[in-house]
Protein backbone atom coordinates (compact mmCIF):
# COMPACT_ATOMS: atom_id res chain seq x y z
CA MET A 1 -52.00 8.42 119.48
CA GLU A 2 -54.79 5.86 119.80
CA ILE A 3 -54.64 5.13 116.06
CA GLU A 4 -50.89 4.54 116.12
CA LYS A 5 -51.18 2.40 119.25
CA THR A 6 -53.91 0.28 117.64
CA LYS A 7 -51.80 -0.13 114.49
CA ASN A 8 -48.74 -1.33 116.39
CA GLN A 9 -50.81 -3.67 118.52
CA PHE A 10 -52.45 -5.17 115.41
CA GLU A 11 -49.13 -5.72 113.59
CA SER A 12 -47.81 -7.60 116.59
CA GLU A 13 -50.85 -9.81 116.97
CA VAL A 14 -51.24 -10.63 113.27
CA GLU A 15 -47.60 -11.72 113.09
CA ASN A 16 -48.21 -14.11 115.99
CA ALA A 17 -51.28 -15.73 114.38
CA LYS A 18 -50.23 -19.35 113.73
CA ASP A 19 -53.37 -20.65 112.03
CA LEU A 20 -56.55 -19.49 110.33
CA SER A 21 -58.56 -19.70 113.52
CA GLN A 22 -56.23 -17.34 115.38
CA LEU A 23 -56.17 -15.02 112.38
CA ASP A 24 -59.96 -14.84 112.36
CA ASN A 25 -59.94 -13.94 116.05
CA VAL A 26 -57.61 -11.03 115.24
CA ARG A 27 -59.92 -9.92 112.43
CA VAL A 28 -62.95 -9.90 114.71
CA LYS A 29 -61.01 -8.06 117.44
CA TYR A 30 -60.16 -5.16 115.13
CA LEU A 31 -62.83 -5.15 112.40
CA GLY A 32 -65.82 -6.69 114.14
CA LYS A 33 -68.95 -4.74 115.10
CA LYS A 34 -67.47 -4.17 118.54
CA GLY A 35 -63.87 -4.13 117.32
CA LEU A 36 -61.16 -1.60 118.11
CA VAL A 37 -61.40 0.19 114.75
CA THR A 38 -65.15 0.51 115.13
CA ASP A 39 -64.62 1.92 118.60
CA LEU A 40 -62.19 4.50 117.28
CA MET A 41 -64.71 5.65 114.67
CA SER A 42 -67.25 6.30 117.42
CA HIS A 43 -64.99 9.09 118.78
CA ILE A 44 -65.27 11.20 115.63
CA LYS A 45 -68.37 12.91 116.95
CA GLU A 46 -66.36 14.24 119.91
CA LEU A 47 -63.89 16.16 117.68
CA ALA A 48 -64.06 19.60 116.25
CA ILE A 49 -65.25 19.94 112.65
CA GLU A 50 -61.76 20.63 111.24
CA GLU A 51 -60.34 17.57 113.04
CA LYS A 52 -63.05 15.12 111.95
CA LYS A 53 -61.83 14.92 108.33
CA ILE A 54 -58.21 14.24 109.27
CA PHE A 55 -59.16 11.72 111.95
CA GLY A 56 -61.56 9.93 109.59
CA GLN A 57 -58.90 9.63 106.87
CA LYS A 58 -56.46 8.09 109.34
CA ILE A 59 -59.03 5.56 110.55
CA ASN A 60 -59.90 4.55 106.97
CA ALA A 61 -56.20 4.13 106.21
CA LEU A 62 -55.84 1.95 109.31
CA LYS A 63 -58.86 -0.13 108.35
CA ASN A 64 -57.57 -0.68 104.80
CA MET A 65 -54.16 -1.65 106.12
CA ILE A 66 -55.67 -4.19 108.53
CA GLU A 67 -57.89 -5.72 105.83
CA ASN A 68 -54.97 -6.06 103.38
CA LYS A 69 -52.66 -7.50 106.02
CA ILE A 70 -55.26 -10.07 107.13
CA GLU A 71 -55.86 -11.16 103.53
CA GLN A 72 -52.12 -11.51 102.88
CA THR A 73 -51.65 -13.46 106.10
CA LYS A 74 -54.63 -15.69 105.23
CA GLN A 75 -53.14 -16.59 101.84
CA LYS A 76 -49.81 -17.29 103.48
CA LEU A 77 -51.33 -19.61 106.11
CA GLU A 78 -53.43 -21.45 103.50
CA LYS A 79 -50.33 -22.04 101.40
CA GLU A 80 -48.46 -23.34 104.44
CA ASN A 81 -51.35 -25.70 105.24
CA ILE A 82 -51.24 -27.13 101.73
CA GLU A 83 -47.48 -27.63 101.89
CA LYS A 84 -47.75 -29.37 105.27
CA LYS A 85 -50.49 -31.64 103.96
CA LEU A 86 -48.47 -32.57 100.88
CA LYS A 87 -45.45 -33.39 103.00
CA SER A 88 -47.46 -35.52 105.42
CA GLU A 89 -49.31 -37.50 102.74
CA LYS A 90 -47.88 -40.58 101.10
CA LYS A 91 -46.20 -39.74 97.84
CA ILE A 92 -47.79 -41.02 94.64
CA ASP A 93 -45.69 -42.43 91.86
CA ILE A 94 -47.33 -41.00 88.75
CA THR A 95 -45.26 -43.29 86.55
CA LEU A 96 -47.09 -46.40 87.79
CA PRO A 97 -49.65 -47.86 85.34
CA VAL A 98 -53.24 -46.89 86.13
CA SER A 99 -56.21 -49.11 85.38
CA ILE A 100 -58.49 -47.31 82.92
CA GLU A 101 -60.93 -50.17 82.50
CA SER A 102 -64.38 -48.73 81.86
CA GLY A 103 -67.63 -50.12 83.16
CA SER A 104 -70.25 -51.81 81.06
CA LEU A 105 -73.99 -51.55 80.70
CA HIS A 106 -76.28 -54.34 81.81
CA PRO A 107 -77.38 -56.54 78.88
CA ARG A 108 -80.96 -55.50 79.61
CA THR A 109 -80.03 -51.84 79.22
CA ILE A 110 -78.19 -52.50 75.97
CA LEU A 111 -81.09 -54.40 74.44
CA GLN A 112 -83.69 -51.94 75.72
CA LYS A 113 -81.90 -49.09 73.94
CA GLU A 114 -81.75 -51.13 70.74
CA ILE A 115 -85.46 -52.01 70.90
CA GLU A 116 -86.44 -48.42 71.70
CA ASP A 117 -84.45 -47.20 68.69
CA ILE A 118 -86.22 -49.72 66.45
CA PHE A 119 -89.69 -48.71 67.61
CA VAL A 120 -88.88 -44.99 67.50
CA GLY A 121 -87.82 -45.56 63.90
CA MET A 122 -91.32 -46.97 63.28
CA GLY A 123 -92.98 -43.88 64.72
CA PHE A 124 -93.51 -44.99 68.33
CA THR A 125 -92.92 -42.81 71.38
CA VAL A 126 -91.30 -44.13 74.57
CA GLU A 127 -93.34 -43.63 77.75
CA ASP A 128 -92.70 -44.42 81.43
CA GLY A 129 -94.74 -46.41 83.94
CA TYR A 130 -94.78 -46.82 87.72
CA GLU A 131 -93.46 -49.82 89.65
CA VAL A 132 -95.98 -49.34 92.47
CA GLU A 133 -99.47 -49.17 91.03
CA THR A 134 -103.06 -48.82 92.18
CA GLU A 135 -105.31 -51.86 92.15
CA TYR A 136 -107.47 -50.07 89.60
CA ASN A 137 -104.70 -49.46 87.05
CA ASN A 138 -103.13 -52.87 87.52
CA PHE A 139 -106.39 -54.84 87.29
CA ASP A 140 -109.70 -53.00 86.78
CA ALA A 141 -108.55 -50.68 84.01
CA VAL A 142 -107.28 -53.63 81.94
CA ASN A 143 -110.51 -55.59 82.36
CA VAL A 144 -109.23 -58.01 85.03
CA PRO A 145 -112.30 -58.78 87.21
CA LYS A 146 -112.37 -58.98 91.00
CA ASN A 147 -112.41 -62.79 91.03
CA HIS A 148 -109.46 -63.20 88.67
CA PRO A 149 -106.70 -65.46 90.12
CA ALA A 150 -104.05 -62.80 89.36
CA ARG A 151 -105.45 -60.83 92.31
CA ASP A 152 -104.56 -63.63 94.70
CA MET A 153 -101.66 -62.89 97.06
CA GLN A 154 -99.96 -66.07 95.83
CA ASP A 155 -99.52 -64.42 92.43
CA THR A 156 -99.22 -60.73 93.33
CA PHE A 157 -97.12 -58.73 95.78
CA TRP A 158 -99.63 -56.62 97.70
CA LEU A 159 -98.53 -53.66 99.81
CA SER A 160 -100.01 -52.62 103.15
CA ASN A 161 -101.76 -49.61 101.54
CA ASN A 162 -103.63 -51.95 99.12
CA GLN A 163 -101.43 -50.94 96.21
CA VAL A 164 -99.39 -53.54 94.33
CA LEU A 165 -96.01 -54.04 92.74
CA LYS A 166 -97.14 -54.01 89.14
CA THR A 167 -97.56 -57.50 87.74
CA GLN A 168 -97.30 -56.42 84.10
CA THR A 169 -96.53 -53.28 82.13
CA SER A 170 -100.20 -53.26 81.08
CA ALA A 171 -100.78 -51.40 84.35
CA ALA A 172 -99.74 -48.22 82.51
CA GLN A 173 -102.23 -48.68 79.65
CA ASN A 174 -105.07 -46.64 81.11
CA ARG A 175 -102.84 -43.71 82.00
CA ILE A 176 -101.20 -43.61 78.55
CA LEU A 177 -104.48 -44.10 76.67
CA ARG A 178 -105.96 -41.17 78.59
CA LYS A 179 -102.88 -39.06 77.88
CA TYR A 180 -103.33 -39.34 74.10
CA ASN A 181 -107.12 -39.83 74.07
CA GLY A 182 -107.05 -41.08 70.50
CA PRO A 183 -104.56 -42.32 67.90
CA LEU A 184 -101.21 -43.29 69.41
CA LYS A 185 -98.15 -45.46 68.91
CA ALA A 186 -96.23 -45.94 72.16
CA ILE A 187 -94.03 -48.39 74.01
CA PHE A 188 -93.33 -48.36 77.74
CA PRO A 189 -90.61 -50.60 79.17
CA GLY A 190 -90.54 -51.42 82.87
CA ARG A 191 -89.80 -53.81 85.71
CA CYS A 192 -92.55 -56.16 86.87
CA PHE A 193 -93.03 -58.41 89.90
CA ARG A 194 -94.83 -61.70 90.42
CA ASN A 195 -94.82 -64.06 93.34
CA GLU A 196 -93.79 -67.21 91.52
CA ALA A 197 -91.21 -69.98 91.65
CA VAL A 198 -87.82 -69.18 90.11
CA ASP A 199 -86.20 -71.48 87.55
CA HIS A 200 -84.10 -71.31 84.37
CA SER A 201 -86.78 -69.32 82.50
CA HIS A 202 -88.85 -67.69 85.27
CA GLU A 203 -88.05 -64.91 87.75
CA ASN A 204 -90.09 -63.07 90.38
CA THR A 205 -88.57 -59.79 89.14
CA PHE A 206 -88.48 -59.37 85.38
CA PHE A 207 -88.72 -56.79 82.61
CA GLN A 208 -91.31 -56.23 79.91
CA ILE A 209 -91.84 -53.80 77.09
CA GLU A 210 -95.49 -52.97 76.56
CA GLY A 211 -96.68 -51.56 73.27
CA LEU A 212 -99.90 -49.91 72.12
CA LEU A 213 -101.09 -48.81 68.72
CA VAL A 214 -104.53 -47.18 68.48
CA ASP A 215 -106.09 -45.80 65.32
CA GLU A 216 -108.92 -46.44 62.90
CA GLU A 217 -109.08 -49.79 61.08
CA VAL A 218 -106.18 -51.48 62.90
CA SER A 219 -105.98 -55.25 62.40
CA VAL A 220 -104.08 -58.35 63.55
CA GLY A 221 -102.09 -58.01 60.34
CA ASN A 222 -100.67 -54.71 61.64
CA LEU A 223 -99.67 -56.43 64.89
CA ILE A 224 -97.83 -59.20 63.03
CA PHE A 225 -96.09 -56.71 60.74
CA PHE A 226 -94.67 -54.56 63.55
CA MET A 227 -93.58 -57.53 65.68
CA LYS A 228 -91.85 -59.34 62.79
CA LYS A 229 -90.12 -56.12 61.73
CA MET A 230 -88.89 -55.49 65.27
CA LEU A 231 -87.53 -59.05 65.68
CA SER A 232 -85.86 -59.11 62.26
CA GLU A 233 -84.09 -55.79 62.89
CA LEU A 234 -83.09 -56.84 66.40
CA PHE A 235 -81.62 -60.23 65.50
CA LYS A 236 -80.45 -59.22 62.02
CA LYS A 237 -82.10 -62.35 60.63
CA ASP A 238 -85.49 -63.96 60.26
CA ILE A 239 -86.82 -65.45 63.47
CA ASN A 240 -89.52 -68.07 63.24
CA ILE A 241 -92.55 -67.07 65.25
CA ARG A 242 -96.00 -68.48 65.79
CA LEU A 243 -99.31 -67.19 67.11
CA ARG A 244 -101.35 -69.36 69.44
CA PRO A 245 -104.82 -68.44 70.70
CA GLY A 246 -104.56 -67.11 74.23
CA PHE A 247 -106.93 -65.52 76.71
CA PHE A 248 -106.01 -62.19 78.27
CA PRO A 249 -108.82 -60.03 79.68
CA PHE A 250 -107.47 -56.84 78.12
CA VAL A 251 -107.37 -58.11 74.51
CA GLU A 252 -109.93 -59.75 72.21
CA PRO A 253 -108.90 -61.78 70.31
CA GLY A 254 -105.77 -62.64 72.24
CA PHE A 255 -102.64 -64.52 71.21
CA GLU A 256 -99.42 -65.98 72.55
CA MET A 257 -96.53 -65.11 70.28
CA ASP A 258 -93.67 -67.59 70.53
CA ALA A 259 -90.19 -67.45 69.06
CA GLN A 260 -88.37 -70.58 68.01
CA CYS A 261 -85.73 -71.47 70.58
CA THR A 262 -82.34 -70.26 69.35
CA PHE A 263 -80.47 -72.61 71.70
CA CYS A 264 -81.73 -75.82 70.15
CA GLU A 265 -83.10 -74.48 66.85
CA GLY A 266 -86.49 -75.89 67.74
CA LYS A 267 -85.32 -79.39 68.66
CA GLY A 268 -86.10 -79.03 72.36
CA CYS A 269 -83.87 -78.26 75.36
CA GLN A 270 -83.97 -77.30 79.03
CA VAL A 271 -84.47 -73.61 78.29
CA CYS A 272 -87.58 -74.13 76.15
CA LYS A 273 -88.72 -77.04 78.32
CA HIS A 274 -88.18 -79.34 75.34
CA SER A 275 -90.96 -77.66 73.33
CA GLY A 276 -88.71 -75.98 70.78
CA TRP A 277 -90.37 -72.62 71.45
CA LEU A 278 -89.98 -69.76 73.94
CA GLU A 279 -92.99 -67.77 75.09
CA LEU A 280 -92.18 -64.29 73.96
CA CYS A 281 -95.12 -61.98 73.67
CA PRO A 282 -98.74 -62.09 74.88
CA CYS A 283 -100.61 -59.83 72.49
CA GLY A 284 -103.89 -59.14 70.74
CA MET A 285 -106.45 -56.54 69.79
CA ILE A 286 -107.27 -54.13 72.61
CA HIS A 287 -110.54 -55.06 74.29
CA PRO A 288 -113.23 -52.41 73.63
CA GLN A 289 -113.89 -52.21 77.38
CA VAL A 290 -110.26 -51.13 77.98
CA LEU A 291 -110.70 -48.31 75.46
CA LYS A 292 -114.01 -47.25 77.05
CA LEU A 293 -112.46 -47.15 80.54
CA ALA A 294 -109.82 -44.79 79.13
CA GLY A 295 -112.47 -42.54 77.60
CA ILE A 296 -111.76 -43.54 73.98
CA ASP A 297 -114.57 -44.12 71.48
CA SER A 298 -114.34 -47.87 70.82
CA GLU A 299 -116.77 -47.54 67.91
CA LYS A 300 -114.31 -45.30 66.06
CA TYR A 301 -110.95 -46.54 67.27
CA CYS A 302 -109.36 -49.94 67.78
CA GLY A 303 -105.82 -51.12 68.24
CA PHE A 304 -103.41 -53.79 69.34
CA ALA A 305 -101.32 -54.29 72.46
CA PHE A 306 -98.38 -56.52 73.29
CA GLY A 307 -96.35 -57.25 76.39
CA LEU A 308 -92.91 -58.28 75.25
CA GLY A 309 -91.12 -60.72 77.56
CA PHE A 310 -88.01 -58.59 77.59
CA ASP A 311 -85.78 -60.91 79.61
CA ARG A 312 -86.53 -63.72 77.17
CA LEU A 313 -85.28 -61.51 74.35
CA VAL A 314 -82.09 -60.81 76.29
CA MET A 315 -81.54 -64.55 76.63
CA LEU A 316 -82.12 -65.08 72.91
CA GLN A 317 -79.89 -62.16 71.90
CA TYR A 318 -76.92 -63.12 74.08
CA GLY A 319 -77.30 -66.89 74.20
CA LEU A 320 -78.08 -67.10 77.94
CA ASP A 321 -79.51 -70.34 79.22
CA ASP A 322 -80.52 -69.12 82.69
CA ILE A 323 -82.65 -66.03 83.34
CA ARG A 324 -81.41 -65.87 86.92
CA MET A 325 -78.04 -64.63 85.69
CA LEU A 326 -79.61 -61.27 84.83
CA ASN A 327 -80.37 -60.46 88.48
CA SER A 328 -77.27 -62.11 89.90
CA GLY A 329 -75.10 -58.99 90.13
CA ASN A 330 -72.17 -61.15 89.02
CA LEU A 331 -69.53 -58.71 87.72
CA ARG A 332 -67.62 -61.39 85.85
CA PHE A 333 -70.80 -62.07 83.90
CA LEU A 334 -71.76 -58.42 83.37
CA LYS A 335 -68.28 -57.27 82.24
CA GLN A 336 -68.67 -59.34 79.08
CA PHE A 337 -71.15 -56.89 77.61
CA LYS A 338 -69.70 -53.92 75.77
CA THR A 339 -71.67 -51.58 73.56
CA LYS A 340 -71.46 -48.41 71.52
CA PHE A 341 -74.01 -46.64 73.74
């Protein structure tokens, strides 16, 4: 009698459940740990042995019926909810034209991928660096002494924990030299920061691509070969370059590599400050002290390093006359650049 009464009571209540919340309350009432079906099962121990089997079968049948009915009702209510939502929402005309305009990569990203492909084709690996660096990696490890003006707050962004926003990609040299501890060919692109005035050709946030080649009997001739090959493949034509003596603590001898201004063909303009040349790449032979600080035998190995002014290359490649456009976030400007990548 109790089983039949429970069944009839359940069928009435499940039919009256108007939403999923009410249905769940019904489920808990009958199938929960303290539910009515569980309570019925507790009475089995009070029956005679021959009655227990019959009573147990009836309870299991009731339980299965309740579970099936709840699942059916749940599916029904979910379907009704979807139909109500569709009716209440604004209809969409699928025949209207839809804009399928795709986004575009930043010109820096496009050129970086091209340069990486060129260097990888010449046997270089691509490494990563950090944007926040230790004072040691940014200065000491690349032979920049304590009294060097680059350590002044007017040139460098110092953080409260005495770390710095890296001022050049050379900050990763020590870490990468230690990683290979011998012969290597690697480039490591990254964003750099310097506290300086902004104009047509200078930014306080800019990008570089650093490169290192370490092996036995490396010479300046190797440096010139790799740089000319990279530029010729990048621009698909010969680019006039020149080497000027330059002092950088982490190279000896050191050079400034300039590229002839592509805007004025060397005649002089605002972009090149009327010199006919754009500063492109500080470079030189790695200072023996830098190799020693990285644990590399400077008597056996030597090499060259370069810090490519990446934003300058972007300007040359795409004919931009103002470096500030690259950080502008101007979508009209950025949408011009399409690529196969």
